[in-house]
């Protein structure tokens, strides 16, 4: 039982780190797309899809348990990420719609911080269950 905790913790740390890499890519894509997209909402959709396309291949390495087996599985990780992406976009859209003076990148940071917490919590619920 004591051996499962470090493995779970390492897996969570890898998931969080690789999710942060995806969020950094999301920020770069959003910054670039804000100059060419017709509105910040469509720019955000495109940046989220691009970040998801980068993050999913990387995250297959985050879910390795103690003996090289997967604890959540690819479908579980994708489900967590897609739900987190929907939460992220919903928060972003709500912030932009209710606070029009808020910069889109600031709204992205706030929404991404909340959705990262949501994704890590979801991953912990699946990966560390007994």
N, C-alpha and C. Protein backbone atom coordinates (compact mmCIF):
# COMPACT_ATOMS: atom_id res chain seq x y z
N UNK A 1 0.82 -1.19 0.00
CA UNK A 1 0.00 0.00 0.00
C UNK A 1 0.87 1.26 0.00
N UNK A 2 2.00 1.22 0.69
CA UNK A 2 2.89 2.38 0.74
C UNK A 2 3.55 2.63 -0.60
N UNK A 3 3.68 1.58 -1.42
CA UNK A 3 4.33 1.74 -2.72
C UNK A 3 3.44 2.46 -3.72
N UNK A 4 2.13 2.39 -3.57
CA UNK A 4 1.21 3.01 -4.54
C UNK A 4 1.24 4.53 -4.47
N UNK A 5 1.51 5.10 -3.32
CA UNK A 5 1.48 6.56 -3.19
C UNK A 5 2.54 7.25 -4.03
N UNK A 6 3.84 6.90 -3.96
CA UNK A 6 4.82 7.58 -4.78
C UNK A 6 4.55 7.43 -6.27
N UNK A 7 4.10 6.25 -6.68
CA UNK A 7 3.80 6.04 -8.08
C UNK A 7 2.65 6.93 -8.51
N UNK A 8 1.62 6.98 -7.71
CA UNK A 8 0.48 7.83 -8.02
C UNK A 8 0.91 9.30 -8.04
N UNK A 9 1.72 9.68 -7.08
CA UNK A 9 2.20 11.06 -7.03
C UNK A 9 3.06 11.42 -8.23
N UNK A 10 3.90 10.49 -8.65
CA UNK A 10 4.73 10.74 -9.83
C UNK A 10 3.89 10.86 -11.08
N UNK A 11 2.88 10.02 -11.17
CA UNK A 11 1.99 10.06 -12.31
C UNK A 11 1.20 11.37 -12.35
N UNK A 12 0.77 11.82 -11.18
CA UNK A 12 0.05 13.10 -11.09
C UNK A 12 0.96 14.25 -11.46
N UNK A 13 2.19 14.21 -10.99
CA UNK A 13 3.15 15.28 -11.31
C UNK A 13 3.42 15.32 -12.82
N UNK A 14 3.58 14.15 -13.44
CA UNK A 14 3.79 14.13 -14.90
C UNK A 14 2.57 14.66 -15.64
N UNK A 15 1.38 14.26 -15.18
CA UNK A 15 0.14 14.75 -15.80
C UNK A 15 0.05 16.27 -15.68
N UNK A 16 0.32 16.80 -14.50
CA UNK A 16 0.24 18.25 -14.28
C UNK A 16 1.28 18.98 -15.12
N UNK A 17 2.50 18.46 -15.17
CA UNK A 17 3.56 19.12 -15.95
C UNK A 17 3.21 19.13 -17.44
N UNK A 18 2.78 17.99 -17.96
CA UNK A 18 2.45 17.94 -19.38
C UNK A 18 1.19 18.75 -19.69
N UNK A 19 0.29 18.87 -18.74
CA UNK A 19 -0.86 19.75 -18.93
C UNK A 19 -0.42 21.21 -18.99
N UNK A 20 0.56 21.56 -18.17
CA UNK A 20 1.11 22.92 -18.21
C UNK A 20 1.80 23.20 -19.56
N UNK A 21 2.45 22.20 -20.12
CA UNK A 21 3.04 22.35 -21.46
C UNK A 21 1.93 22.64 -22.47
N UNK A 22 0.82 21.92 -22.36
CA UNK A 22 -0.32 22.17 -23.24
C UNK A 22 -0.91 23.55 -23.06
N UNK A 23 -0.97 24.01 -21.81
CA UNK A 23 -1.48 25.36 -21.55
C UNK A 23 -0.55 26.43 -22.11
N UNK A 24 0.74 26.18 -22.04
CA UNK A 24 1.70 27.13 -22.63
C UNK A 24 1.52 27.20 -24.15
N UNK A 25 1.34 26.04 -24.76
CA UNK A 25 1.08 26.01 -26.21
C UNK A 25 -0.23 26.72 -26.52
N UNK A 26 -1.22 26.53 -25.68
CA UNK A 26 -2.51 27.19 -25.85
C UNK A 26 -2.34 28.71 -25.82
N UNK A 27 -1.56 29.20 -24.88
CA UNK A 27 -1.32 30.63 -24.78
C UNK A 27 -0.63 31.19 -26.00
N UNK A 28 0.36 30.46 -26.50
CA UNK A 28 1.07 30.91 -27.71
C UNK A 28 0.12 30.94 -28.90
N UNK A 29 -0.65 29.87 -29.07
CA UNK A 29 -1.59 29.82 -30.19
C UNK A 29 -2.65 30.93 -30.07
N UNK A 30 -3.15 31.15 -28.87
CA UNK A 30 -4.17 32.19 -28.70
C UNK A 30 -3.59 33.56 -29.04
N UNK A 31 -2.40 33.83 -28.58
CA UNK A 31 -1.75 35.12 -28.87
C UNK A 31 -1.63 35.33 -30.37
N UNK A 32 -1.21 34.30 -31.09
CA UNK A 32 -1.07 34.41 -32.54
C UNK A 32 -2.42 34.51 -33.24
N UNK A 33 -3.39 33.76 -32.77
CA UNK A 33 -4.70 33.75 -33.43
C UNK A 33 -5.53 34.99 -33.16
N UNK A 34 -5.26 35.68 -32.07
CA UNK A 34 -6.02 36.91 -31.79
C UNK A 34 -5.80 37.97 -32.86
N UNK A 35 -4.67 37.89 -33.55
CA UNK A 35 -4.38 38.86 -34.61
C UNK A 35 -5.09 38.55 -35.92
N UNK A 36 -5.49 37.28 -36.12
CA UNK A 36 -6.08 36.92 -37.41
C UNK A 36 -7.53 36.44 -37.31
N UNK A 37 -7.97 36.04 -36.16
CA UNK A 37 -9.34 35.53 -36.01
C UNK A 37 -10.33 36.70 -35.95
N UNK A 38 -11.55 36.47 -36.37
CA UNK A 38 -12.54 37.54 -36.37
C UNK A 38 -12.96 38.00 -34.97
N UNK A 39 -12.89 37.11 -33.99
CA UNK A 39 -13.26 37.48 -32.62
C UNK A 39 -12.49 36.60 -31.64
N UNK A 40 -12.45 36.99 -30.36
CA UNK A 40 -11.68 36.20 -29.39
C UNK A 40 -12.29 34.83 -29.10
N UNK A 41 -13.57 34.65 -29.39
CA UNK A 41 -14.21 33.36 -29.14
C UNK A 41 -13.73 32.30 -30.14
N UNK A 42 -13.68 32.65 -31.41
CA UNK A 42 -13.21 31.69 -32.41
C UNK A 42 -11.70 31.46 -32.27
N UNK A 43 -10.96 32.49 -31.89
CA UNK A 43 -9.53 32.31 -31.66
C UNK A 43 -9.30 31.31 -30.52
N UNK A 44 -10.13 31.39 -29.51
CA UNK A 44 -9.99 30.49 -28.35
C UNK A 44 -10.32 29.05 -28.72
N UNK A 45 -11.34 28.85 -29.53
CA UNK A 45 -11.68 27.50 -29.96
C UNK A 45 -10.51 26.89 -30.72
N UNK A 46 -9.95 27.64 -31.65
CA UNK A 46 -8.83 27.13 -32.44
C UNK A 46 -7.59 26.87 -31.59
N UNK A 47 -7.32 27.76 -30.63
CA UNK A 47 -6.14 27.56 -29.79
C UNK A 47 -6.32 26.36 -28.87
N UNK A 48 -7.53 26.15 -28.37
CA UNK A 48 -7.79 24.97 -27.53
C UNK A 48 -7.65 23.67 -28.32
N UNK A 49 -8.14 23.67 -29.53
CA UNK A 49 -8.01 22.46 -30.36
C UNK A 49 -6.55 22.18 -30.69
N UNK A 50 -5.79 23.22 -30.99
CA UNK A 50 -4.36 23.03 -31.28
C UNK A 50 -3.62 22.52 -30.04
N UNK A 51 -3.92 23.09 -28.89
CA UNK A 51 -3.27 22.64 -27.65
C UNK A 51 -3.66 21.21 -27.32
N UNK A 52 -4.91 20.84 -27.55
CA UNK A 52 -5.35 19.48 -27.31
C UNK A 52 -4.63 18.51 -28.24
N UNK A 53 -4.42 18.93 -29.48
CA UNK A 53 -3.69 18.11 -30.44
C UNK A 53 -2.23 17.89 -30.04
N UNK A 54 -1.66 18.83 -29.31
CA UNK A 54 -0.29 18.69 -28.82
C UNK A 54 -0.26 17.89 -27.53
N UNK A 55 -1.22 18.12 -26.67
CA UNK A 55 -1.20 17.53 -25.33
C UNK A 55 -1.53 16.05 -25.32
N UNK A 56 -2.48 15.62 -26.12
CA UNK A 56 -2.90 14.21 -26.08
C UNK A 56 -1.74 13.26 -26.41
N UNK A 57 -0.97 13.49 -27.45
CA UNK A 57 0.16 12.57 -27.68
C UNK A 57 1.19 12.59 -26.55
N UNK A 58 1.39 13.74 -25.92
CA UNK A 58 2.36 13.81 -24.82
C UNK A 58 1.86 13.11 -23.56
N UNK A 59 0.57 13.19 -23.30
CA UNK A 59 0.03 12.66 -22.06
C UNK A 59 -0.04 11.14 -22.00
N UNK A 60 0.18 10.47 -23.10
CA UNK A 60 0.18 9.00 -23.02
C UNK A 60 1.33 8.49 -22.16
N UNK A 61 2.35 9.34 -21.97
CA UNK A 61 3.47 8.96 -21.12
C UNK A 61 3.25 9.31 -19.65
N UNK A 62 2.23 10.07 -19.35
CA UNK A 62 1.98 10.51 -17.98
C UNK A 62 1.25 9.48 -17.15
N UNK A 63 0.61 8.55 -17.77
CA UNK A 63 -0.29 7.65 -17.06
C UNK A 63 0.31 6.27 -16.82
N UNK A 64 1.59 6.21 -16.54
CA UNK A 64 2.21 4.92 -16.28
C UNK A 64 2.25 4.66 -14.79
N UNK A 65 1.73 3.53 -14.39
CA UNK A 65 1.73 3.14 -12.99
C UNK A 65 3.05 2.43 -12.66
N UNK A 66 3.11 1.79 -11.53
CA UNK A 66 4.35 1.23 -11.00
C UNK A 66 5.04 0.26 -11.95
N UNK A 67 4.30 -0.63 -12.56
CA UNK A 67 4.93 -1.68 -13.36
C UNK A 67 4.78 -1.41 -14.85
N UNK A 68 4.69 -0.16 -15.24
CA UNK A 68 4.58 0.18 -16.65
C UNK A 68 3.19 -0.01 -17.22
N UNK A 69 2.21 -0.28 -16.38
CA UNK A 69 0.84 -0.42 -16.85
C UNK A 69 0.13 0.92 -16.73
N UNK A 70 -0.90 1.09 -17.48
CA UNK A 70 -1.65 2.34 -17.44
C UNK A 70 -2.70 2.27 -16.35
N UNK A 71 -2.82 3.37 -15.59
CA UNK A 71 -3.79 3.37 -14.50
C UNK A 71 -5.15 3.92 -14.93
N UNK A 72 -5.17 4.86 -15.84
CA UNK A 72 -6.43 5.44 -16.30
C UNK A 72 -6.74 4.97 -17.71
N UNK A 73 -5.77 4.96 -18.57
CA UNK A 73 -5.97 4.57 -19.95
C UNK A 73 -6.16 5.78 -20.84
N UNK A 74 -5.90 5.59 -22.10
CA UNK A 74 -5.97 6.68 -23.08
C UNK A 74 -7.36 7.29 -23.15
N UNK A 75 -8.39 6.46 -23.16
CA UNK A 75 -9.76 6.99 -23.25
C UNK A 75 -10.09 7.84 -22.03
N UNK A 76 -9.64 7.42 -20.86
CA UNK A 76 -9.88 8.19 -19.64
C UNK A 76 -9.18 9.54 -19.67
N UNK A 77 -7.94 9.55 -20.14
CA UNK A 77 -7.19 10.81 -20.23
C UNK A 77 -7.86 11.74 -21.23
N UNK A 78 -8.25 11.22 -22.38
CA UNK A 78 -8.90 12.06 -23.39
C UNK A 78 -10.22 12.61 -22.85
N UNK A 79 -10.97 11.79 -22.14
CA UNK A 79 -12.24 12.26 -21.56
C UNK A 79 -11.99 13.39 -20.56
N UNK A 80 -10.99 13.22 -19.70
CA UNK A 80 -10.65 14.26 -18.73
C UNK A 80 -10.27 15.55 -19.45
N UNK A 81 -9.43 15.43 -20.48
CA UNK A 81 -8.98 16.62 -21.20
C UNK A 81 -10.10 17.31 -21.97
N UNK A 82 -10.97 16.55 -22.58
CA UNK A 82 -12.07 17.16 -23.34
C UNK A 82 -13.03 17.89 -22.39
N UNK A 83 -13.33 17.28 -21.25
CA UNK A 83 -14.21 17.94 -20.29
C UNK A 83 -13.52 19.19 -19.74
N UNK A 84 -12.22 19.10 -19.45
CA UNK A 84 -11.48 20.27 -18.96
C UNK A 84 -11.45 21.37 -20.04
N UNK A 85 -11.34 20.96 -21.31
CA UNK A 85 -11.35 21.94 -22.39
C UNK A 85 -12.70 22.65 -22.47
N UNK A 86 -13.78 21.92 -22.29
CA UNK A 86 -15.11 22.54 -22.31
C UNK A 86 -15.30 23.48 -21.12
N UNK A 87 -14.81 23.08 -19.95
CA UNK A 87 -14.86 23.95 -18.78
C UNK A 87 -14.03 25.21 -19.04
N UNK A 88 -12.86 25.02 -19.64
CA UNK A 88 -11.96 26.13 -19.94
C UNK A 88 -12.65 27.12 -20.88
N UNK A 89 -13.23 26.62 -21.96
CA UNK A 89 -13.87 27.52 -22.91
C UNK A 89 -15.09 28.20 -22.28
N UNK A 90 -15.86 27.47 -21.50
CA UNK A 90 -17.02 28.06 -20.85
C UNK A 90 -16.64 29.20 -19.92
N UNK A 91 -15.61 28.98 -19.12
CA UNK A 91 -15.14 30.05 -18.23
C UNK A 91 -14.59 31.23 -19.02
N UNK A 92 -13.83 30.94 -20.06
CA UNK A 92 -13.26 32.00 -20.91
C UNK A 92 -14.39 32.83 -21.54
N UNK A 93 -15.37 32.16 -22.12
CA UNK A 93 -16.48 32.86 -22.76
C UNK A 93 -17.27 33.68 -21.75
N UNK A 94 -17.48 33.13 -20.57
CA UNK A 94 -18.21 33.87 -19.53
C UNK A 94 -17.44 35.11 -19.10
N UNK A 95 -16.13 34.97 -18.94
CA UNK A 95 -15.31 36.13 -18.55
C UNK A 95 -15.31 37.21 -19.62
N UNK A 96 -15.14 36.82 -20.87
CA UNK A 96 -15.11 37.80 -21.96
C UNK A 96 -16.47 38.46 -22.13
N UNK A 97 -17.54 37.69 -22.00
CA UNK A 97 -18.89 38.24 -22.19
C UNK A 97 -19.29 39.17 -21.06
N UNK A 98 -18.92 38.83 -19.81
CA UNK A 98 -19.34 39.65 -18.68
C UNK A 98 -18.39 40.80 -18.38
N UNK A 99 -17.14 40.64 -18.74
CA UNK A 99 -16.13 41.70 -18.53
C UNK A 99 -15.46 42.05 -19.85
N UNK A 100 -16.12 42.84 -20.69
CA UNK A 100 -15.57 43.13 -22.02
C UNK A 100 -14.22 43.85 -21.98
N UNK A 101 -13.91 44.51 -20.88
CA UNK A 101 -12.62 45.20 -20.81
C UNK A 101 -11.47 44.26 -20.46
N UNK A 102 -11.78 43.04 -20.07
CA UNK A 102 -10.76 42.05 -19.74
C UNK A 102 -10.05 41.59 -21.01
N UNK A 103 -8.73 41.61 -20.98
CA UNK A 103 -7.95 41.16 -22.12
C UNK A 103 -8.15 39.65 -22.33
N UNK A 104 -8.23 39.20 -23.59
CA UNK A 104 -8.44 37.76 -23.84
C UNK A 104 -7.36 36.88 -23.23
N UNK A 105 -6.11 37.33 -23.21
CA UNK A 105 -5.06 36.51 -22.61
C UNK A 105 -5.22 36.40 -21.10
N UNK A 106 -5.70 37.44 -20.45
CA UNK A 106 -5.96 37.38 -19.02
C UNK A 106 -7.11 36.43 -18.73
N UNK A 107 -8.14 36.48 -19.56
CA UNK A 107 -9.26 35.55 -19.41
C UNK A 107 -8.80 34.11 -19.62
N UNK A 108 -7.88 33.92 -20.58
CA UNK A 108 -7.34 32.59 -20.83
C UNK A 108 -6.58 32.07 -19.62
N UNK A 109 -5.79 32.93 -18.98
CA UNK A 109 -5.02 32.51 -17.81
C UNK A 109 -5.95 32.10 -16.68
N UNK A 110 -6.97 32.90 -16.41
CA UNK A 110 -7.92 32.57 -15.34
C UNK A 110 -8.68 31.28 -15.63
N UNK A 111 -9.18 31.15 -16.85
CA UNK A 111 -9.93 29.95 -17.22
C UNK A 111 -9.02 28.73 -17.23
N UNK A 112 -7.80 28.90 -17.69
CA UNK A 112 -6.87 27.77 -17.75
C UNK A 112 -6.45 27.31 -16.36
N UNK A 113 -6.27 28.23 -15.44
CA UNK A 113 -5.91 27.85 -14.07
C UNK A 113 -7.03 27.01 -13.45
N UNK A 114 -8.26 27.45 -13.65
CA UNK A 114 -9.39 26.70 -13.10
C UNK A 114 -9.53 25.33 -13.76
N UNK A 115 -9.38 25.28 -15.08
CA UNK A 115 -9.54 24.00 -15.76
C UNK A 115 -8.37 23.06 -15.49
N UNK A 116 -7.19 23.60 -15.22
CA UNK A 116 -6.06 22.74 -14.85
C UNK A 116 -6.33 22.08 -13.51
N UNK A 117 -6.85 22.83 -12.57
CA UNK A 117 -7.23 22.25 -11.27
C UNK A 117 -8.28 21.17 -11.47
N UNK A 118 -9.26 21.44 -12.31
CA UNK A 118 -10.30 20.47 -12.60
C UNK A 118 -9.71 19.20 -13.23
N UNK A 119 -8.80 19.36 -14.20
CA UNK A 119 -8.21 18.21 -14.88
C UNK A 119 -7.37 17.37 -13.93
N UNK A 120 -6.56 18.02 -13.10
CA UNK A 120 -5.73 17.28 -12.15
C UNK A 120 -6.62 16.55 -11.14
N UNK A 121 -7.66 17.22 -10.66
CA UNK A 121 -8.59 16.57 -9.74
C UNK A 121 -9.24 15.35 -10.40
N UNK A 122 -9.66 15.50 -11.64
CA UNK A 122 -10.26 14.38 -12.37
C UNK A 122 -9.28 13.24 -12.56
N UNK A 123 -8.05 13.58 -12.88
CA UNK A 123 -7.03 12.55 -13.05
C UNK A 123 -6.77 11.82 -11.74
N UNK A 124 -6.69 12.58 -10.64
CA UNK A 124 -6.46 11.97 -9.33
C UNK A 124 -7.61 11.02 -8.98
N UNK A 125 -8.83 11.41 -9.27
CA UNK A 125 -9.98 10.57 -8.95
C UNK A 125 -9.92 9.24 -9.69
N UNK A 126 -9.42 9.26 -10.94
CA UNK A 126 -9.33 8.02 -11.71
C UNK A 126 -8.04 7.25 -11.43
N UNK A 127 -6.93 7.92 -11.36
CA UNK A 127 -5.63 7.25 -11.25
C UNK A 127 -5.35 6.71 -9.86
N UNK A 128 -5.85 7.36 -8.83
CA UNK A 128 -5.50 6.99 -7.46
C UNK A 128 -6.63 6.29 -6.72
N UNK A 129 -7.64 5.90 -7.43
CA UNK A 129 -8.72 5.17 -6.75
C UNK A 129 -8.24 3.77 -6.43
N UNK A 130 -8.86 3.19 -5.43
CA UNK A 130 -8.43 1.85 -4.98
C UNK A 130 -9.37 0.80 -5.45
